[in-house]
Amino acid sequence: MGHTTTLSRLRLRVQAFFLCTKAVIFIFLTVLQHIRDIKDPEHPYSLEELKVVTEDAVEVNDKNSHVRVTFTPTVEHCSMATIIGLCLRVKLMRSLPSRYKVDIRVAPGTHATEAAVNKQLNDKERVAAALENPGLVEMVDQCLAPTYE
């Protein structure tokens, strides 16, 4: 009888693992689908085409409802790094269920003011203030607008 109980528990654990894994894969693919077509603010290409965002840049922890996107600016002194990060944050805020905490980061060593950009992108008050600026909102909306080819 103990052997049957152990197998039942093992079966339940395996099922739970696969359900959890499916949820993580779904959220991962959802995040990737939403951010891959964001347009660069300065170039006529998507962030994916410029390799600013890649599959490797997306991390999902469904158990903790946490998503992290690490992006790589095209140059070390990219003046649009904060705008790109803001676009990523806004797109995910609009697309993911509200239970997810979104963390946007510049890839380590890829931007001259990495710490300052990361701080700005992950401070709720700074993000809220940026989104009250009509010029910034217009720029973000242009980057997020769908492209029909």
C-alpha atoms as a PDB file:
ATOM      1  CA  MET A   1       0.000   0.000   0.000  1.00  0.00           C
ATOM      2  CA  GLY A   2       2.876   2.364   0.745  1.00  0.00           C
ATOM      3  CA  HIS A   3       4.308   1.828  -2.740  1.00  0.00           C
ATOM      4  CA  THR A   4       0.973   2.835  -4.369  1.00  0.00           C
ATOM      5  CA  THR A   5       0.766   5.954  -2.225  1.00  0.00           C
ATOM      6  CA  THR A   6       4.334   6.925  -3.132  1.00  0.00           C
ATOM      7  CA  LEU A   7       3.590   6.466  -6.852  1.00  0.00           C
ATOM      8  CA  SER A   8       0.423   8.552  -6.531  1.00  0.00           C
ATOM      9  CA  ARG A   9       2.333  11.357  -4.828  1.00  0.00           C
ATOM     10  CA  LEU A  10       5.071  11.158  -7.438  1.00  0.00           C
ATOM     11  CA  ARG A  11       2.486  11.282 -10.230  1.00  0.00           C
ATOM     12  CA  LEU A  12       0.877  14.365  -8.644  1.00  0.00           C
ATOM     13  CA  ARG A  13       4.271  16.071  -8.330  1.00  0.00           C
ATOM     14  CA  VAL A  14       5.101  15.342 -11.963  1.00  0.00           C
ATOM     15  CA  GLN A  15       1.710  16.675 -13.080  1.00  0.00           C
ATOM     16  CA  ALA A  16       2.174  19.818 -10.964  1.00  0.00           C
ATOM     17  CA  PHE A  17       5.666  20.296 -12.405  1.00  0.00           C
ATOM     18  CA  PHE A  18       4.385  20.092 -15.988  1.00  0.00           C
ATOM     19  CA  LEU A  19       1.490  22.450 -15.267  1.00  0.00           C
ATOM     20  CA  CYS A  20       3.905  24.926 -13.704  1.00  0.00           C
ATOM     21  CA  THR A  21       6.328  24.521 -16.612  1.00  0.00           C
ATOM     22  CA  LYS A  22       3.527  25.097 -19.124  1.00  0.00           C
ATOM     23  CA  ALA A  23       2.536  28.299 -17.301  1.00  0.00           C
ATOM     24  CA  VAL A  24       6.127  29.572 -17.326  1.00  0.00           C
ATOM     25  CA  ILE A  25       6.537  28.769 -21.017  1.00  0.00           C
ATOM     26  CA  PHE A  26       3.240  30.480 -21.810  1.00  0.00           C
ATOM     27  CA  ILE A  27       4.197  33.664 -19.930  1.00  0.00           C
ATOM     28  CA  PHE A  28       7.702  33.580 -21.455  1.00  0.00           C
ATOM     29  CA  LEU A  29       6.289  33.334 -24.984  1.00  0.00           C
ATOM     30  CA  THR A  30       3.697  36.003 -24.201  1.00  0.00           C
ATOM     31  CA  VAL A  31       6.367  38.417 -22.984  1.00  0.00           C
ATOM     32  CA  LEU A  32       8.585  37.690 -25.968  1.00  0.00           C
ATOM     33  CA  GLN A  33       5.711  38.136 -28.406  1.00  0.00           C
ATOM     34  CA  HIS A  34       4.786  41.493 -26.885  1.00  0.00           C
ATOM     35  CA  ILE A  35       8.281  42.999 -26.809  1.00  0.00           C
ATOM     36  CA  ARG A  36       9.830  41.660 -30.030  1.00  0.00           C
ATOM     37  CA  ASP A  37       8.059  44.143 -32.315  1.00  0.00           C
ATOM     38  CA  ILE A  38       8.587  47.299 -30.279  1.00  0.00           C
ATOM     39  CA  LYS A  39      10.186  49.808 -32.620  1.00  0.00           C
ATOM     40  CA  ASP A  40      13.457  51.511 -31.803  1.00  0.00           C
ATOM     41  CA  PRO A  41      12.901  55.258 -31.181  1.00  0.00           C
ATOM     42  CA  GLU A  42      15.738  56.257 -33.530  1.00  0.00           C
ATOM     43  CA  HIS A  43      15.912  53.506 -36.150  1.00  0.00           C
ATOM     44  CA  PRO A  44      13.320  51.991 -38.513  1.00  0.00           C
ATOM     45  CA  TYR A  45      13.831  48.532 -36.970  1.00  0.00           C
ATOM     46  CA  SER A  46      12.338  46.549 -34.131  1.00  0.00           C
ATOM     47  CA  LEU A  47      14.220  45.975 -30.892  1.00  0.00           C
ATOM     48  CA  GLU A  48      14.515  42.312 -31.858  1.00  0.00           C
ATOM     49  CA  GLU A  49      15.989  43.139 -35.281  1.00  0.00           C
ATOM     50  CA  LEU A  50      18.599  45.326 -33.584  1.00  0.00           C
ATOM     51  CA  LYS A  51      19.311  42.579 -31.005  1.00  0.00           C
ATOM     52  CA  VAL A  52      18.349  44.984 -28.221  1.00  0.00           C
ATOM     53  CA  VAL A  53      16.030  42.254 -26.898  1.00  0.00           C
ATOM     54  CA  THR A  54      16.508  38.520 -27.359  1.00  0.00           C
ATOM     55  CA  GLU A  55      14.951  35.331 -26.034  1.00  0.00           C
ATOM     56  CA  ASP A  56      17.818  35.051 -23.557  1.00  0.00           C
ATOM     57  CA  ALA A  57      16.893  38.448 -22.152  1.00  0.00           C
ATOM     58  CA  VAL A  58      13.529  37.281 -20.765  1.00  0.00           C
ATOM     59  CA  GLU A  59      13.261  35.598 -17.364  1.00  0.00           C
ATOM     60  CA  VAL A  60       9.981  34.403 -15.856  1.00  0.00           C
ATOM     61  CA  ASN A  61       9.302  33.239 -12.324  1.00  0.00           C
ATOM     62  CA  ASP A  62       5.611  32.367 -12.338  1.00  0.00           C
ATOM     63  CA  LYS A  63       5.650  31.183  -8.726  1.00  0.00           C
ATOM     64  CA  ASN A  64       6.712  34.666  -7.578  1.00  0.00           C
ATOM     65  CA  SER A  65       4.815  36.460 -10.388  1.00  0.00           C
ATOM     66  CA  HIS A  66       8.028  38.092 -11.562  1.00  0.00           C
ATOM     67  CA  VAL A  67       9.209  38.931 -15.079  1.00  0.00           C
ATOM     68  CA  ARG A  68      12.616  40.399 -15.856  1.00  0.00           C
ATOM     69  CA  VAL A  69      13.659  41.746 -19.235  1.00  0.00           C
ATOM     70  CA  THR A  70      17.305  42.652 -19.719  1.00  0.00           C
ATOM     71  CA  PHE A  71      17.999  44.719 -22.812  1.00  0.00           C
ATOM     72  CA  THR A  72      21.215  45.637 -24.591  1.00  0.00           C
ATOM     73  CA  PRO A  73      21.440  49.172 -26.016  1.00  0.00           C
ATOM     74  CA  THR A  74      22.988  49.405 -29.473  1.00  0.00           C
ATOM     75  CA  VAL A  75      25.841  51.620 -28.204  1.00  0.00           C
ATOM     76  CA  GLU A  76      27.353  52.298 -24.779  1.00  0.00           C
ATOM     77  CA  HIS A  77      26.206  55.934 -24.757  1.00  0.00           C
ATOM     78  CA  CYS A  78      22.728  55.298 -26.202  1.00  0.00           C
ATOM     79  CA  SER A  79      20.668  58.393 -25.419  1.00  0.00           C
ATOM     80  CA  MET A  80      17.451  56.410 -25.884  1.00  0.00           C
ATOM     81  CA  ALA A  81      18.148  53.655 -23.327  1.00  0.00           C
ATOM     82  CA  THR A  82      15.648  55.051 -20.834  1.00  0.00           C
ATOM     83  CA  ILE A  83      12.976  55.451 -23.535  1.00  0.00           C
ATOM     84  CA  ILE A  84      13.572  51.877 -24.732  1.00  0.00           C
ATOM     85  CA  GLY A  85      13.251  50.601 -21.171  1.00  0.00           C
ATOM     86  CA  LEU A  86      10.115  52.674 -20.647  1.00  0.00           C
ATOM     87  CA  CYS A  87       8.621  51.189 -23.834  1.00  0.00           C
ATOM     88  CA  LEU A  88       9.346  47.684 -22.558  1.00  0.00           C
ATOM     89  CA  ARG A  89       7.781  48.469 -19.173  1.00  0.00           C
ATOM     90  CA  VAL A  90       4.659  50.109 -20.633  1.00  0.00           C
ATOM     91  CA  LYS A  91       4.105  47.298 -23.124  1.00  0.00           C
ATOM     92  CA  LEU A  92       4.302  44.678 -20.387  1.00  0.00           C
ATOM     93  CA  MET A  93       2.169  46.750 -17.990  1.00  0.00           C
ATOM     94  CA  ARG A  94      -0.517  46.860 -20.679  1.00  0.00           C
ATOM     95  CA  SER A  95      -0.157  43.210 -21.678  1.00  0.00           C
ATOM     96  CA  LEU A  96       0.480  41.080 -18.593  1.00  0.00           C
ATOM     97  CA  PRO A  97      -1.906  40.328 -15.748  1.00  0.00           C
ATOM     98  CA  SER A  98      -1.454  42.863 -12.943  1.00  0.00           C
ATOM     99  CA  ARG A  99      -0.135  40.196 -10.545  1.00  0.00           C
ATOM    100  CA  TYR A 100       3.231  40.263 -12.333  1.00  0.00           C
ATOM    101  CA  LYS A 101       6.043  42.458 -11.081  1.00  0.00           C
ATOM    102  CA  VAL A 102       8.055  43.619 -14.066  1.00  0.00           C
ATOM    103  CA  ASP A 103      11.757  44.356 -13.756  1.00  0.00           C
ATOM    104  CA  ILE A 104      13.498  46.064 -16.684  1.00  0.00           C
ATOM    105  CA  ARG A 105      17.297  46.151 -16.727  1.00  0.00           C
ATOM    106  CA  VAL A 106      20.131  47.232 -18.971  1.00  0.00           C
ATOM    107  CA  ALA A 107      22.495  44.310 -19.577  1.00  0.00           C
ATOM    108  CA  PRO A 108      25.518  44.630 -17.274  1.00  0.00           C
ATOM    109  CA  GLY A 109      28.402  46.517 -18.837  1.00  0.00           C
ATOM    110  CA  THR A 110      26.493  47.661 -21.940  1.00  0.00           C
ATOM    111  CA  HIS A 111      25.690  51.263 -21.041  1.00  0.00           C
ATOM    112  CA  ALA A 112      27.762  54.092 -19.568  1.00  0.00           C
ATOM    113  CA  THR A 113      25.030  55.068 -17.064  1.00  0.00           C
ATOM    114  CA  GLU A 114      23.662  51.565 -16.456  1.00  0.00           C
ATOM    115  CA  ALA A 115      22.964  52.039 -12.719  1.00  0.00           C
ATOM    116  CA  ALA A 116      21.115  55.323 -13.251  1.00  0.00           C
ATOM    117  CA  VAL A 117      19.017  53.911 -16.108  1.00  0.00           C
ATOM    118  CA  ASN A 118      18.127  50.800 -14.086  1.00  0.00           C
ATOM    119  CA  LYS A 119      17.153  52.924 -11.094  1.00  0.00           C
ATOM    120  CA  GLN A 120      14.945  55.159 -13.211  1.00  0.00           C
ATOM    121  CA  LEU A 121      13.228  52.284 -15.008  1.00  0.00           C
ATOM    122  CA  ASN A 122      12.369  50.412 -11.820  1.00  0.00           C
ATOM    123  CA  ASP A 123      11.227  53.307  -9.637  1.00  0.00           C
ATOM    124  CA  LYS A 124       7.412  53.447  -9.683  1.00  0.00           C
ATOM    125  CA  GLU A 125       7.286  57.173  -8.954  1.00  0.00           C
ATOM    126  CA  ARG A 126       9.770  58.047 -11.711  1.00  0.00           C
ATOM    127  CA  VAL A 127       7.918  55.851 -14.209  1.00  0.00           C
ATOM    128  CA  ALA A 128       4.583  57.427 -13.212  1.00  0.00           C
ATOM    129  CA  ALA A 129       6.073  60.923 -13.605  1.00  0.00           C
ATOM    130  CA  ALA A 130       7.489  60.020 -17.035  1.00  0.00           C
ATOM    131  CA  LEU A 131       4.072  58.774 -18.118  1.00  0.00           C
ATOM    132  CA  GLU A 132       2.538  62.135 -17.200  1.00  0.00           C
ATOM    133  CA  ASN A 133       4.749  63.802 -19.800  1.00  0.00           C
ATOM    134  CA  PRO A 134       2.704  64.014 -23.054  1.00  0.00           C
ATOM    135  CA  GLY A 135       5.840  64.104 -25.227  1.00  0.00           C
ATOM    136  CA  LEU A 136       7.238  60.927 -23.682  1.00  0.00           C
ATOM    137  CA  VAL A 137       3.878  59.166 -23.874  1.00  0.00           C
ATOM    138  CA  GLU A 138       3.600  60.063 -27.561  1.00  0.00           C
ATOM    139  CA  MET A 139       7.106  58.702 -28.223  1.00  0.00           C
ATOM    140  CA  VAL A 140       6.345  55.482 -26.306  1.00  0.00           C
ATOM    141  CA  ASP A 141       3.041  55.050 -28.148  1.00  0.00           C
ATOM    142  CA  GLN A 142       4.814  55.472 -31.510  1.00  0.00           C
ATOM    143  CA  CYS A 143       7.318  52.780 -30.562  1.00  0.00           C
ATOM    144  CA  LEU A 144       4.510  50.460 -29.443  1.00  0.00           C
ATOM    145  CA  ALA A 145       2.234  51.074 -32.433  1.00  0.00           C
ATOM    146  CA  PRO A 146       1.821  47.985 -34.595  1.00  0.00           C
ATOM    147  CA  THR A 147       3.575  47.878 -37.932  1.00  0.00           C
ATOM    148  CA  TYR A 148       1.541  46.564 -40.823  1.00  0.00           C
ATOM    149  CA  GLU A 149       3.635  45.212 -43.667  1.00  0.00           C
END
